[in-house]
Amino acid sequence: MAKLREQFGRRLEELLKKHKMKQCELAEKLDIDPQSISRMIAGKHFPKEENIEKMIKAFNIQPEELFKFSNNADDKELIEDINRLISNAPSSKLRMAHKIITALFE
Protein backbone atom coordinates (compact mmCIF):
# COMPACT_ATOMS: atom_id res chain seq x y z
CA MET A 1 0.00 0.00 0.00
CA ALA A 2 2.91 2.35 0.69
CA LYS A 3 4.00 2.17 -2.94
CA LEU A 4 0.51 3.13 -4.11
CA ARG A 5 0.49 6.10 -1.72
CA GLU A 6 3.89 7.20 -3.03
CA GLN A 7 2.83 6.86 -6.67
CA PHE A 8 -0.37 8.75 -5.96
CA GLY A 9 1.62 11.47 -4.20
CA ARG A 10 3.91 11.92 -7.19
CA ARG A 11 0.90 12.02 -9.53
CA LEU A 12 -0.85 14.58 -7.35
CA GLU A 13 2.26 16.76 -7.41
CA GLU A 14 2.40 16.44 -11.23
CA LEU A 15 -1.24 17.50 -11.54
CA LEU A 16 -0.74 20.50 -9.25
CA LYS A 17 2.19 21.67 -11.39
CA LYS A 18 0.36 21.00 -14.65
CA HIS A 19 -2.68 22.99 -13.51
CA LYS A 20 -0.54 25.69 -11.84
CA MET A 21 -2.39 25.10 -8.60
CA LYS A 22 -0.97 25.45 -5.10
CA GLN A 23 -1.50 22.87 -2.41
CA CYS A 24 -3.53 25.33 -0.36
CA GLU A 25 -5.81 26.03 -3.34
CA LEU A 26 -6.53 22.34 -3.81
CA ALA A 27 -7.10 21.93 -0.08
CA GLU A 28 -9.66 24.73 -0.21
CA LYS A 29 -11.49 23.09 -3.13
CA LEU A 30 -11.54 19.80 -1.23
CA ASP A 31 -12.49 21.51 2.05
CA ILE A 32 -9.60 19.85 3.90
CA ASP A 33 -6.54 20.96 5.84
CA PRO A 34 -3.60 21.94 3.56
CA GLN A 35 -1.41 19.59 5.62
CA SER A 36 -3.51 16.71 4.31
CA ILE A 37 -2.45 17.57 0.76
CA SER A 38 1.17 17.75 1.88
CA ARG A 39 0.89 14.30 3.51
CA MET A 40 -0.66 12.88 0.32
CA ILE A 41 2.20 14.23 -1.79
CA ALA A 42 4.71 12.78 0.67
CA GLY A 43 3.04 9.37 0.33
CA LYS A 44 2.00 9.28 3.98
CA HIS A 45 -1.74 9.61 3.43
CA PHE A 46 -4.23 8.40 0.83
CA PRO A 47 -7.38 10.43 0.08
CA LYS A 48 -10.88 9.33 0.97
CA GLU A 49 -13.22 8.44 -1.88
CA GLU A 50 -15.12 11.73 -1.57
CA ASN A 51 -11.86 13.68 -1.88
CA ILE A 52 -10.82 11.67 -4.92
CA GLU A 53 -14.07 12.74 -6.59
CA LYS A 54 -13.43 16.36 -5.61
CA MET A 55 -9.88 16.18 -7.03
CA ILE A 56 -11.24 14.93 -10.34
CA LYS A 57 -13.56 17.94 -10.46
CA ALA A 58 -10.90 20.39 -9.27
CA PHE A 59 -8.47 19.31 -12.00
CA ASN A 60 -11.29 18.83 -14.54
CA ILE A 61 -9.95 15.41 -15.54
CA GLN A 62 -11.28 11.92 -16.15
CA PRO A 63 -10.96 9.54 -13.16
CA GLU A 64 -8.28 7.43 -14.83
CA GLU A 65 -6.08 10.52 -15.25
CA LEU A 66 -5.77 10.81 -11.47
CA PHE A 67 -4.26 7.33 -11.35
CA LYS A 68 -2.14 7.54 -14.49
CA PHE A 69 1.19 6.83 -12.87
CA SER A 70 4.17 7.58 -15.07
CA ASN A 71 7.24 5.41 -14.90
CA ASN A 72 8.83 7.27 -17.78
CA ALA A 73 9.63 10.73 -16.54
CA ASP A 74 10.94 13.17 -19.12
CA ASP A 75 14.41 14.68 -18.76
CA LYS A 76 13.14 17.85 -17.09
CA GLU A 77 11.25 15.85 -14.46
CA LEU A 78 14.29 13.66 -13.83
CA ILE A 79 16.49 16.70 -13.29
CA GLU A 80 13.91 18.23 -10.94
CA ASP A 81 13.72 14.97 -9.00
CA ILE A 82 17.51 14.75 -8.72
CA ASN A 83 17.67 18.38 -7.55
CA ARG A 84 14.96 17.70 -4.97
CA LEU A 85 16.82 14.67 -3.67
CA ILE A 86 20.16 16.45 -3.27
CA SER A 87 18.91 19.87 -2.18
CA ASN A 88 19.03 19.02 1.52
CA ALA A 89 21.69 16.32 1.40
CA PRO A 90 24.65 16.60 3.75
CA SER A 91 28.05 17.41 2.28
CA SER A 92 29.24 13.80 2.51
CA LYS A 93 26.30 12.56 0.41
CA LEU A 94 26.82 15.36 -2.13
CA ARG A 95 30.46 14.35 -2.55
CA MET A 96 29.44 10.71 -3.02
CA ALA A 97 26.76 11.67 -5.57
CA HIS A 98 29.30 13.80 -7.43
CA LYS A 99 31.76 10.88 -7.62
CA ILE A 100 29.05 8.53 -8.91
CA ILE A 101 27.80 10.99 -11.53
CA THR A 102 31.35 11.80 -12.64
CA ALA A 103 32.13 8.09 -13.00
CA LEU A 104 29.02 7.58 -15.13
CA PHE A 105 30.04 10.23 -17.63
CA GLU A 106 33.78 9.53 -17.91
PDB file of N, CA and C in Angstrom:
ATOM      1  N   MET A   1       0.824  -1.203   0.000  1.00  0.00           N
ATOM      2  CA  MET A   1       0.000   0.000   0.000  1.00  0.00           C
ATOM      3  C   MET A   1       0.866   1.264   0.000  1.00  0.00           C
ATOM      4  N   ALA A   2       2.040   1.174   0.636  1.00  0.00           N
ATOM      5  CA  ALA A   2       2.908   2.353   0.692  1.00  0.00           C
ATOM      6  C   ALA A   2       3.322   2.790  -0.707  1.00  0.00           C
ATOM      7  N   LYS A   3       3.590   1.818  -1.587  1.00  0.00           N
ATOM      8  CA  LYS A   3       4.003   2.166  -2.944  1.00  0.00           C
ATOM      9  C   LYS A   3       2.884   2.902  -3.675  1.00  0.00           C
ATOM     10  N   LEU A   4       1.651   2.458  -3.492  1.00  0.00           N
ATOM     11  CA  LEU A   4       0.512   3.131  -4.115  1.00  0.00           C
ATOM     12  C   LEU A   4       0.394   4.560  -3.599  1.00  0.00           C
ATOM     13  N   ARG A   5       0.552   4.747  -2.294  1.00  0.00           N
ATOM     14  CA  ARG A   5       0.488   6.103  -1.725  1.00  0.00           C
ATOM     15  C   ARG A   5       1.581   6.984  -2.314  1.00  0.00           C
ATOM     16  N   GLU A   6       2.782   6.424  -2.466  1.00  0.00           N
ATOM     17  CA  GLU A   6       3.893   7.199  -3.033  1.00  0.00           C
ATOM     18  C   GLU A   6       3.633   7.553  -4.492  1.00  0.00           C
ATOM     19  N   GLN A   7       3.143   6.596  -5.266  1.00  0.00           N
ATOM     20  CA  GLN A   7       2.834   6.861  -6.673  1.00  0.00           C
ATOM     21  C   GLN A   7       1.729   7.903  -6.784  1.00  0.00           C
ATOM     22  N   PHE A   8       0.718   7.777  -5.937  1.00  0.00           N
ATOM     23  CA  PHE A   8      -0.370   8.747  -5.962  1.00  0.00           C
ATOM     24  C   PHE A   8       0.158  10.133  -5.600  1.00  0.00           C
ATOM     25  N   GLY A   9       1.036  10.190  -4.609  1.00  0.00           N
ATOM     26  CA  GLY A   9       1.617  11.469  -4.201  1.00  0.00           C
ATOM     27  C   GLY A   9       2.379  12.143  -5.326  1.00  0.00           C
ATOM     28  N   ARG A  10       3.177  11.359  -6.052  1.00  0.00           N
ATOM     29  CA  ARG A  10       3.910  11.925  -7.194  1.00  0.00           C
ATOM     30  C   ARG A  10       2.942  12.406  -8.272  1.00  0.00           C
ATOM     31  N   ARG A  11       1.891  11.630  -8.518  1.00  0.00           N
ATOM     32  CA  ARG A  11       0.903  12.019  -9.531  1.00  0.00           C
ATOM     33  C   ARG A  11       0.181  13.293  -9.116  1.00  0.00           C
ATOM     34  N   LEU A  12      -0.174  13.389  -7.846  1.00  0.00           N
ATOM     35  CA  LEU A  12      -0.850  14.583  -7.350  1.00  0.00           C
ATOM     36  C   LEU A  12       0.041  15.809  -7.524  1.00  0.00           C
ATOM     37  N   GLU A  13       1.312  15.653  -7.232  1.00  0.00           N
ATOM     38  CA  GLU A  13       2.255  16.759  -7.410  1.00  0.00           C
ATOM     39  C   GLU A  13       2.351  17.158  -8.885  1.00  0.00           C
ATOM     40  N   GLU A  14       2.372  16.164  -9.782  1.00  0.00           N
ATOM     41  CA  GLU A  14       2.398  16.444 -11.226  1.00  0.00           C
ATOM     42  C   GLU A  14       1.170  17.245 -11.647  1.00  0.00           C
ATOM     43  N   LEU A  15       0.006  16.825 -11.159  1.00  0.00           N
ATOM     44  CA  LEU A  15      -1.236  17.505 -11.538  1.00  0.00           C
ATOM     45  C   LEU A  15      -1.278  18.934 -11.004  1.00  0.00           C
ATOM     46  N   LEU A  16      -0.785  19.139  -9.798  1.00  0.00           N
ATOM     47  CA  LEU A  16      -0.738  20.496  -9.246  1.00  0.00           C
ATOM     48  C   LEU A  16       0.131  21.392 -10.128  1.00  0.00           C
ATOM     49  N   LYS A  17       1.297  20.888 -10.523  1.00  0.00           N
ATOM     50  CA  LYS A  17       2.186  21.672 -11.390  1.00  0.00           C
ATOM     51  C   LYS A  17       1.536  21.935 -12.744  1.00  0.00           C
ATOM     52  N   LYS A  18       0.976  20.885 -13.329  1.00  0.00           N
ATOM     53  CA  LYS A  18       0.361  21.003 -14.649  1.00  0.00           C
ATOM     54  C   LYS A  18      -0.757  22.033 -14.655  1.00  0.00           C
ATOM     55  N   HIS A  19      -1.532  22.076 -13.584  1.00  0.00           N
ATOM     56  CA  HIS A  19      -2.677  22.987 -13.506  1.00  0.00           C
ATOM     57  C   HIS A  19      -2.330  24.297 -12.793  1.00  0.00           C
ATOM     58  N   LYS A  20      -1.028  24.464 -12.502  1.00  0.00           N
ATOM     59  CA  LYS A  20      -0.543  25.686 -11.842  1.00  0.00           C
ATOM     60  C   LYS A  20      -1.381  26.007 -10.602  1.00  0.00           C
ATOM     61  N   MET A  21      -1.577  24.981  -9.796  1.00  0.00           N
ATOM     62  CA  MET A  21      -2.394  25.103  -8.600  1.00  0.00           C
ATOM     63  C   MET A  21      -1.513  24.844  -7.372  1.00  0.00           C
ATOM     64  N   LYS A  22      -1.711  25.629  -6.345  1.00  0.00           N
ATOM     65  CA  LYS A  22      -0.967  25.450  -5.105  1.00  0.00           C
ATOM     66  C   LYS A  22      -1.687  24.433  -4.223  1.00  0.00           C
ATOM     67  N   GLN A  23      -0.925  23.846  -3.326  1.00  0.00           N
ATOM     68  CA  GLN A  23      -1.504  22.865  -2.410  1.00  0.00           C
ATOM     69  C   GLN A  23      -2.660  23.463  -1.612  1.00  0.00           C
ATOM     70  N   CYS A  24      -2.486  24.694  -1.161  1.00  0.00           N
ATOM     71  CA  CYS A  24      -3.535  25.332  -0.359  1.00  0.00           C
ATOM     72  C   CYS A  24      -4.797  25.575  -1.182  1.00  0.00           C
ATOM     73  N   GLU A  25      -4.642  25.836  -2.472  1.00  0.00           N
ATOM     74  CA  GLU A  25      -5.812  26.032  -3.341  1.00  0.00           C
ATOM     75  C   GLU A  25      -6.587  24.729  -3.507  1.00  0.00           C
ATOM     76  N   LEU A  26      -5.862  23.637  -3.696  1.00  0.00           N
ATOM     77  CA  LEU A  26      -6.534  22.343  -3.814  1.00  0.00           C
ATOM     78  C   LEU A  26      -7.206  21.980  -2.493  1.00  0.00           C
ATOM     79  N   ALA A  27      -6.524  22.228  -1.397  1.00  0.00           N
ATOM     80  CA  ALA A  27      -7.100  21.929  -0.080  1.00  0.00           C
ATOM     81  C   ALA A  27      -8.410  22.685   0.114  1.00  0.00           C
ATOM     82  N   GLU A  28      -8.438  23.933  -0.324  1.00  0.00           N
ATOM     83  CA  GLU A  28      -9.656  24.735  -0.209  1.00  0.00           C
ATOM     84  C   GLU A  28     -10.785  24.129  -1.047  1.00  0.00           C
ATOM     85  N   LYS A  29     -10.467  23.686  -2.256  1.00  0.00           N
ATOM     86  CA  LYS A  29     -11.486  23.088  -3.129  1.00  0.00           C
ATOM     87  C   LYS A  29     -12.007  21.774  -2.555  1.00  0.00           C
ATOM     88  N   LEU A  30     -11.151  21.069  -1.815  1.00  0.00           N
ATOM     89  CA  LEU A  30     -11.544  19.795  -1.225  1.00  0.00           C
ATOM     90  C   LEU A  30     -12.132  19.974   0.174  1.00  0.00           C
ATOM     91  N   ASP A  31     -12.019  21.193   0.697  1.00  0.00           N
ATOM     92  CA  ASP A  31     -12.485  21.510   2.047  1.00  0.00           C
ATOM     93  C   ASP A  31     -11.771  20.638   3.087  1.00  0.00           C
ATOM     94  N   ILE A  32     -10.425  20.592   2.938  1.00  0.00           N
ATOM     95  CA  ILE A  32      -9.603  19.854   3.895  1.00  0.00           C
ATOM     96  C   ILE A  32      -8.414  20.716   4.305  1.00  0.00           C
ATOM     97  N   ASP A  33      -7.719  20.276   5.323  1.00  0.00           N
ATOM     98  CA  ASP A  33      -6.537  20.960   5.837  1.00  0.00           C
ATOM     99  C   ASP A  33      -5.404  20.879   4.798  1.00  0.00           C
ATOM    100  N   PRO A  34      -4.715  21.987   4.520  1.00  0.00           N
ATOM    101  CA  PRO A  34      -3.598  21.945   3.564  1.00  0.00           C
ATOM    102  C   PRO A  34      -2.533  20.903   3.923  1.00  0.00           C
ATOM    103  N   GLN A  35      -2.375  20.617   5.207  1.00  0.00           N
ATOM    104  CA  GLN A  35      -1.405  19.594   5.619  1.00  0.00           C
ATOM    105  C   GLN A  35      -1.777  18.219   5.080  1.00  0.00           C
ATOM    106  N   SER A  36      -3.066  17.987   4.874  1.00  0.00           N
ATOM    107  CA  SER A  36      -3.506  16.706   4.311  1.00  0.00           C
ATOM    108  C   SER A  36      -2.974  16.535   2.894  1.00  0.00           C
ATOM    109  N   ILE A  37      -2.987  17.623   2.126  1.00  0.00           N
ATOM    110  CA  ILE A  37      -2.445  17.571   0.761  1.00  0.00           C
ATOM    111  C   ILE A  37      -0.948  17.290   0.820  1.00  0.00           C
ATOM    112  N   SER A  38      -0.264  17.949   1.719  1.00  0.00           N
ATOM    113  CA  SER A  38       1.172  17.745   1.881  1.00  0.00           C
ATOM    114  C   SER A  38       1.483  16.292   2.236  1.00  0.00           C
ATOM    115  N   ARG A  39       0.688  15.702   3.122  1.00  0.00           N
ATOM    116  CA  ARG A  39       0.891  14.301   3.507  1.00  0.00           C
ATOM    117  C   ARG A  39       0.606  13.358   2.339  1.00  0.00           C
ATOM    118  N   MET A  40      -0.376  13.704   1.506  1.00  0.00           N
ATOM    119  CA  MET A  40      -0.660  12.880   0.323  1.00  0.00           C
ATOM    120  C   MET A  40       0.525  12.902  -0.633  1.00  0.00           C
ATOM    121  N   ILE A  41       1.064  14.090  -0.878  1.00  0.00           N
ATOM    122  CA  ILE A  41       2.203  14.232  -1.791  1.00  0.00           C
ATOM    123  C   ILE A  41       3.416  13.476  -1.258  1.00  0.00           C
ATOM    124  N   ALA A  42       3.585  13.480   0.054  1.00  0.00           N
ATOM    125  CA  ALA A  42       4.710  12.777   0.673  1.00  0.00           C
ATOM    126  C   ALA A  42       4.508  11.260   0.708  1.00  0.00           C
ATOM    127  N   GLY A  43       3.322  10.804   0.322  1.00  0.00           N
ATOM    128  CA  GLY A  43       3.041   9.372   0.327  1.00  0.00           C
ATOM    129  C   GLY A  43       2.697   8.820   1.690  1.00  0.00           C
ATOM    130  N   LYS A  44       2.328   9.705   2.611  1.00  0.00           N
ATOM    131  CA  LYS A  44       1.996   9.282   3.975  1.00  0.00           C
ATOM    132  C   LYS A  44       0.498   9.118   4.193  1.00  0.00           C
ATOM    133  N   HIS A  45      -0.284   9.602   3.258  1.00  0.00           N
ATOM    134  CA  HIS A  45      -1.739   9.613   3.429  1.00  0.00           C
ATOM    135  C   HIS A  45      -2.383   9.372   2.071  1.00  0.00           C
ATOM    136  N   PHE A  46      -3.489   8.647   2.063  1.00  0.00           N
ATOM    137  CA  PHE A  46      -4.234   8.401   0.830  1.00  0.00           C
ATOM    138  C   PHE A  46      -5.606   9.044   0.983  1.00  0.00           C
ATOM    139  N   PRO A  47      -6.113   9.708  -0.050  1.00  0.00           N
ATOM    140  CA  PRO A  47      -7.384  10.429   0.084  1.00  0.00           C
ATOM    141  C   PRO A  47      -8.593   9.505   0.205  1.00  0.00           C
ATOM    142  N   LYS A  48      -9.598  10.029   0.874  1.00  0.00           N
ATOM    143  CA  LYS A  48     -10.881   9.329   0.967  1.00  0.00           C
ATOM    144  C   LYS A  48     -11.564   9.397  -0.397  1.00  0.00           C
ATOM    145  N   GLU A  49     -12.516   8.503  -0.603  1.00  0.00           N
ATOM    146  CA  GLU A  49     -13.225   8.441  -1.881  1.00  0.00           C
ATOM    147  C   GLU A  49     -13.852   9.783  -2.246  1.00  0.00           C
ATOM    148  N   GLU A  50     -14.469  10.445  -1.275  1.00  0.00           N
ATOM    149  CA  GLU A  50     -15.120  11.730  -1.565  1.00  0.00           C
ATOM    150  C   GLU A  50     -14.103  12.777  -2.021  1.00  0.00           C
ATOM    151  N   ASN A  51     -12.890  12.720  -1.475  1.00  0.00           N
ATOM    152  CA  ASN A  51     -11.858  13.679  -1.877  1.00  0.00           C
ATOM    153  C   ASN A  51     -11.267  13.336  -3.241  1.00  0.00           C
ATOM    154  N   ILE A  52     -11.253  12.063  -3.577  1.00  0.00           N
ATOM    155  CA  ILE A  52     -10.821  11.666  -4.922  1.00  0.00           C
ATOM    156  C   ILE A  52     -11.773  12.269  -5.950  1.00  0.00           C
ATOM    157  N   GLU A  53     -13.068  12.169  -5.673  1.00  0.00           N
ATOM    158  CA  GLU A  53     -14.068  12.738  -6.585  1.00  0.00           C
ATOM    159  C   GLU A  53     -13.911  14.253  -6.699  1.00  0.00           C
ATOM    160  N   LYS A  54     -13.622  14.906  -5.583  1.00  0.00           N
ATOM    161  CA  LYS A  54     -13.428  16.358  -5.607  1.00  0.00           C
ATOM    162  C   LYS A  54     -12.165  16.738  -6.385  1.00  0.00           C
ATOM    163  N   MET A  55     -11.122  15.913  -6.282  1.00  0.00           N
ATOM    164  CA  MET A  55      -9.884  16.177  -7.033  1.00  0.00           C
ATOM    165  C   MET A  55     -10.143  16.096  -8.530  1.00  0.00           C
ATOM    166  N   ILE A  56     -10.913  15.102  -8.927  1.00  0.00           N
ATOM    167  CA  ILE A  56     -11.241  14.933 -10.343  1.00  0.00           C
ATOM    168  C   ILE A  56     -11.944  16.181 -10.865  1.00  0.00           C
ATOM    169  N   LYS A  57     -12.855  16.716 -10.062  1.00  0.00           N
ATOM    170  CA  LYS A  57     -13.563  17.941 -10.459  1.00  0.00           C
ATOM    171  C   LYS A  57     -12.627  19.145 -10.436  1.00  0.00           C
ATOM    172  N   ALA A  58     -11.798  19.239  -9.402  1.00  0.00           N
ATOM    173  CA  ALA A  58     -10.896  20.386  -9.266  1.00  0.00           C
ATOM    174  C   ALA A  58      -9.913  20.479 -10.433  1.00  0.00           C
ATOM    175  N   PHE A  59      -9.414  19.333 -10.884  1.00  0.00           N
ATOM    176  CA  PHE A  59      -8.472  19.310 -12.003  1.00  0.00           C
ATOM    177  C   PHE A  59      -9.178  19.212 -13.354  1.00  0.00           C
ATOM    178  N   ASN A  60     -10.489  18.985 -13.318  1.00  0.00           N
ATOM    179  CA  ASN A  60     -11.292  18.828 -14.540  1.00  0.00           C
ATOM    180  C   ASN A  60     -10.698  17.731 -15.436  1.00  0.00           C
ATOM    181  N   ILE A  61     -10.542  16.549 -14.830  1.00  0.00           N
ATOM    182  CA  ILE A  61      -9.955  15.411 -15.536  1.00  0.00           C
ATOM    183  C   ILE A  61     -10.870  14.195 -15.428  1.00  0.00           C
ATOM    184  N   GLN A  62     -10.583  13.197 -16.238  1.00  0.00           N
ATOM    185  CA  GLN A  62     -11.278  11.916 -16.145  1.00  0.00           C
ATOM    186  C   GLN A  62     -10.686  11.137 -14.966  1.00  0.00           C
ATOM    187  N   PRO A  63     -11.464  10.278 -14.325  1.00  0.00           N
ATOM    188  CA  PRO A  63     -10.957   9.543 -13.159  1.00  0.00           C
ATOM    189  C   PRO A  63      -9.644   8.803 -13.402  1.00  0.00           C
ATOM    190  N   GLU A  64      -9.506   8.194 -14.574  1.00  0.00           N
ATOM    191  CA  GLU A  64      -8.277   7.425 -14.828  1.00  0.00           C
ATOM    192  C   GLU A  64      -7.039   8.315 -14.880  1.00  0.00           C
ATOM    193  N   GLU A  65      -7.219   9.596 -15.196  1.00  0.00           N
ATOM    194  CA  GLU A  65      -6.080  10.521 -15.245  1.00  0.00           C
ATOM    195  C   GLU A  65      -5.461  10.724 -13.865  1.00  0.00           C
ATOM    196  N   LEU A  66      -6.273  10.625 -12.833  1.00  0.00           N
ATOM    197  CA  LEU A  66      -5.771  10.809 -11.470  1.00  0.00           C
ATOM    198  C   LEU A  66      -4.836   9.664 -11.082  1.00  0.00           C
ATOM    199  N   PHE A  67      -5.054   8.512 -11.685  1.00  0.00           N
ATOM    200  CA  PHE A  67      -4.258   7.331 -11.349  1.00  0.00           C
ATOM    201  C   PHE A  67      -3.335   6.903 -12.486  1.00  0.00           C
ATOM    202  N   LYS A  68      -3.041   7.825 -13.370  1.00  0.00           N
ATOM    203  CA  LYS A  68      -2.143   7.540 -14.491  1.00  0.00           C
ATOM    204  C   LYS A  68      -0.710   7.770 -14.014  1.00  0.00           C
ATOM    205  N   PHE A  69      -0.145   6.731 -13.435  1.00  0.00           N
ATOM    206  CA  PHE A  69       1.190   6.827 -12.874  1.00  0.00           C
ATOM    207  C   PHE A  69       2.222   6.657 -13.972  1.00  0.00           C
ATOM    208  N   SER A  70       3.146   7.585 -14.026  1.00  0.00           N
ATOM    209  CA  SER A  70       4.165   7.580 -15.068  1.00  0.00           C
ATOM    210  C   SER A  70       5.446   6.967 -14.534  1.00  0.00           C
ATOM    211  N   ASN A  71       5.939   5.984 -15.229  1.00  0.00           N
ATOM    212  CA  ASN A  71       7.239   5.409 -14.900  1.00  0.00           C
ATOM    213  C   ASN A  71       8.319   5.973 -15.810  1.00  0.00           C
ATOM    214  N   ASN A  72       7.898   6.723 -16.805  1.00  0.00           N
ATOM    215  CA  ASN A  72       8.827   7.273 -17.782  1.00  0.00           C
ATOM    216  C   ASN A  72       8.840   8.793 -17.687  1.00  0.00           C
ATOM    217  N   ALA A  73       9.550   9.288 -16.707  1.00  0.00           N
ATOM    218  CA  ALA A  73       9.630  10.731 -16.542  1.00  0.00           C
ATOM    219  C   ALA A  73      10.481  11.323 -17.659  1.00  0.00           C
ATOM    220  N   ASP A  74      10.115  12.522 -18.100  1.00  0.00           N
ATOM    221  CA  ASP A  74      10.941  13.166 -19.115  1.00  0.00           C
ATOM    222  C   ASP A  74      12.191  13.750 -18.454  1.00  0.00           C
ATOM    223  N   ASP A  75      13.129  14.200 -19.272  1.00  0.00           N
ATOM    224  CA  ASP A  75      14.410  14.681 -18.757  1.00  0.00           C
ATOM    225  C   ASP A  75      14.243  15.796 -17.734  1.00  0.00           C
ATOM    226  N   LYS A  76      13.342  16.728 -18.011  1.00  0.00           N
ATOM    227  CA  LYS A  76      13.143  17.851 -17.089  1.00  0.00           C
ATOM    228  C   LYS A  76      12.677  17.347 -15.727  1.00  0.00           C
ATOM    229  N   GLU A  77      11.747  16.401 -15.721  1.00  0.00           N
ATOM    230  CA  GLU A  77      11.250  15.852 -14.460  1.00  0.00           C
ATOM    231  C   GLU A  77      12.347  15.100 -13.717  1.00  0.00           C
ATOM    232  N   LEU A  78      13.186  14.379 -14.463  1.00  0.00           N
ATOM    233  CA  LEU A  78      14.286  13.655 -13.831  1.00  0.00           C
ATOM    234  C   LEU A  78      15.264  14.621 -13.166  1.00  0.00           C
ATOM    235  N   ILE A  79      15.580  15.698 -13.857  1.00  0.00           N
ATOM    236  CA  ILE A  79      16.487  16.697 -13.294  1.00  0.00           C
ATOM    237  C   ILE A  79      15.874  17.331 -12.050  1.00  0.00           C
ATOM    238  N   GLU A  80      14.586  17.660 -12.105  1.00  0.00           N
ATOM    239  CA  GLU A  80      13.907  18.229 -10.941  1.00  0.00           C
ATOM    240  C   GLU A  80      13.933  17.255  -9.771  1.00  0.00           C
ATOM    241  N   ASP A  81      13.718  15.980 -10.049  1.00  0.00           N
ATOM    242  CA  ASP A  81      13.722  14.971  -8.998  1.00  0.00           C
ATOM    243  C   ASP A  81      15.109  14.832  -8.383  1.00  0.00           C
ATOM    244  N   ILE A  82      16.142  14.822  -9.225  1.00  0.00           N
ATOM    245  CA  ILE A  82      17.510  14.747  -8.717  1.00  0.00           C
ATOM    246  C   ILE A  82      17.817  15.969  -7.855  1.00  0.00           C
ATOM    247  N   ASN A  83      17.441  17.152  -8.327  1.00  0.00           N
ATOM    248  CA  ASN A  83      17.670  18.375  -7.552  1.00  0.00           C
ATOM    249  C   ASN A  83      16.955  18.327  -6.208  1.00  0.00           C
ATOM    250  N   ARG A  84      15.727  17.802  -6.216  1.00  0.00           N
ATOM    251  CA  ARG A  84      14.959  17.698  -4.972  1.00  0.00           C
ATOM    252  C   ARG A  84      15.667  16.760  -3.997  1.00  0.00           C
ATOM    253  N   LEU A  85      16.168  15.648  -4.521  1.00  0.00           N
ATOM    254  CA  LEU A  85      16.825  14.666  -3.665  1.00  0.00           C
ATOM    255  C   LEU A  85      18.106  15.206  -3.038  1.00  0.00           C
ATOM    256  N   ILE A  86      18.868  15.988  -3.797  1.00  0.00           N
ATOM    257  CA  ILE A  86      20.159  16.445  -3.275  1.00  0.00           C
ATOM    258  C   ILE A  86      20.094  17.807  -2.586  1.00  0.00           C
ATOM    259  N   SER A  87      18.980  18.503  -2.698  1.00  0.00           N
ATOM    260  CA  SER A  87      18.909  19.872  -2.181  1.00  0.00           C
ATOM    261  C   SER A  87      19.186  19.964  -0.683  1.00  0.00           C
ATOM    262  N   ASN A  88      18.808  18.974   0.076  1.00  0.00           N
ATOM    263  CA  ASN A  88      19.030  19.017   1.524  1.00  0.00           C
ATOM    264  C   ASN A  88      20.018  17.955   1.989  1.00  0.00           C
ATOM    265  N   ALA A  89      20.749  17.385   1.050  1.00  0.00           N
ATOM    266  CA  ALA A  89      21.693  16.323   1.401  1.00  0.00           C
ATOM    267  C   ALA A  89      22.903  16.899   2.128  1.00  0.00           C
ATOM    268  N   PRO A  90      23.428  16.145   3.077  1.00  0.00           N
ATOM    269  CA  PRO A  90      24.652  16.596   3.753  1.00  0.00           C
ATOM    270  C   PRO A  90      25.833  16.558   2.779  1.00  0.00           C
ATOM    271  N   SER A  91      26.866  17.277   3.130  1.00  0.00           N
ATOM    272  CA  SER A  91      28.045  17.411   2.280  1.00  0.00           C
ATOM    273  C   SER A  91      28.628  16.055   1.881  1.00  0.00           C
ATOM    274  N   SER A  92      28.666  15.123   2.809  1.00  0.00           N
ATOM    275  CA  SER A  92      29.244  13.800   2.509  1.00  0.00           C
ATOM    276  C   SER A  92      28.456  13.087   1.409  1.00  0.00           C
ATOM    277  N   LYS A  93      27.143  13.194   1.439  1.00  0.00           N
ATOM    278  CA  LYS A  93      26.301  12.563   0.410  1.00  0.00           C
ATOM    279  C   LYS A  93      26.468  13.282  -0.932  1.00  0.00           C
ATOM    280  N   LEU A  94      26.603  14.603  -0.891  1.00  0.00           N
ATOM    281  CA  LEU A  94      26.819  15.355  -2.126  1.00  0.00           C
ATOM    282  C   LEU A  94      28.120  14.935  -2.797  1.00  0.00           C
ATOM    283  N   ARG A  95      29.164  14.775  -1.999  1.00  0.00           N
ATOM    284  CA  ARG A  95      30.455  14.353  -2.547  1.00  0.00           C
ATOM    285  C   ARG A  95      30.345  12.956  -3.173  1.00  0.00           C
ATOM    286  N   MET A  96      29.621  12.065  -2.498  1.00  0.00           N
ATOM    287  CA  MET A  96      29.440  10.713  -3.020  1.00  0.00           C
ATOM    288  C   MET A  96      28.645  10.751  -4.325  1.00  0.00           C
ATOM    289  N   ALA A  97      27.576  11.541  -4.355  1.00  0.00           N
ATOM    290  CA  ALA A  97      26.760  11.666  -5.571  1.00  0.00           C
ATOM    291  C   ALA A  97      27.601  12.226  -6.717  1.00  0.00           C
ATOM    292  N   HIS A  98      28.436  13.205  -6.413  1.00  0.00           N
ATOM    293  CA  HIS A  98      29.304  13.798  -7.431  1.00  0.00           C
ATOM    294  C   HIS A  98      30.251  12.753  -8.016  1.00  0.00           C
ATOM    295  N   LYS A  99      30.847  11.933  -7.148  1.00  0.00           N
ATOM    296  CA  LYS A  99      31.758  10.885  -7.623  1.00  0.00           C
ATOM    297  C   LYS A  99      31.025   9.891  -8.525  1.00  0.00           C
ATOM    298  N   ILE A 100      29.827   9.502  -8.126  1.00  0.00           N
ATOM    299  CA  ILE A 100      29.048   8.534  -8.909  1.00  0.00           C
ATOM    300  C   ILE A 100      28.685   9.114 -10.270  1.00  0.00           C
ATOM    301  N   ILE A 101      28.200  10.347 -10.270  1.00  0.00           N
ATOM    302  CA  ILE A 101      27.800  10.989 -11.531  1.00  0.00           C
ATOM    303  C   ILE A 101      29.009  11.188 -12.438  1.00  0.00           C
ATOM    304  N   THR A 102      30.124  11.614 -11.853  1.00  0.00           N
ATOM    305  CA  THR A 102      31.346  11.802 -12.641  1.00  0.00           C
ATOM    306  C   THR A 102      31.786  10.480 -13.262  1.00  0.00           C
ATOM    307  N   ALA A 103      31.730   9.406 -12.489  1.00  0.00           N
ATOM    308  CA  ALA A 103      32.130   8.091 -12.997  1.00  0.00           C
ATOM    309  C   ALA A 103      31.222   7.637 -14.142  1.00  0.00           C
ATOM    310  N   LEU A 104      29.956   7.959 -14.074  1.00  0.00           N
ATOM    311  CA  LEU A 104      29.016   7.581 -15.130  1.00  0.00           C
ATOM    312  C   LEU A 104      29.333   8.244 -16.465  1.00  0.00           C
ATOM    313  N   PHE A 105      29.843   9.457 -16.404  1.00  0.00           N
ATOM    314  CA  PHE A 105      30.042  10.228 -17.631  1.00  0.00           C
ATOM    315  C   PHE A 105      31.485  10.269 -18.115  1.00  0.00           C
ATOM    316  N   GLU A 106      32.374   9.559 -17.462  1.00  0.00           N
ATOM    317  CA  GLU A 106      33.778   9.526 -17.910  1.00  0.00           C
ATOM    318  C   GLU A 106      33.976   8.479 -18.958  1.00  0.00           C
TER     319      GLU A 106
END
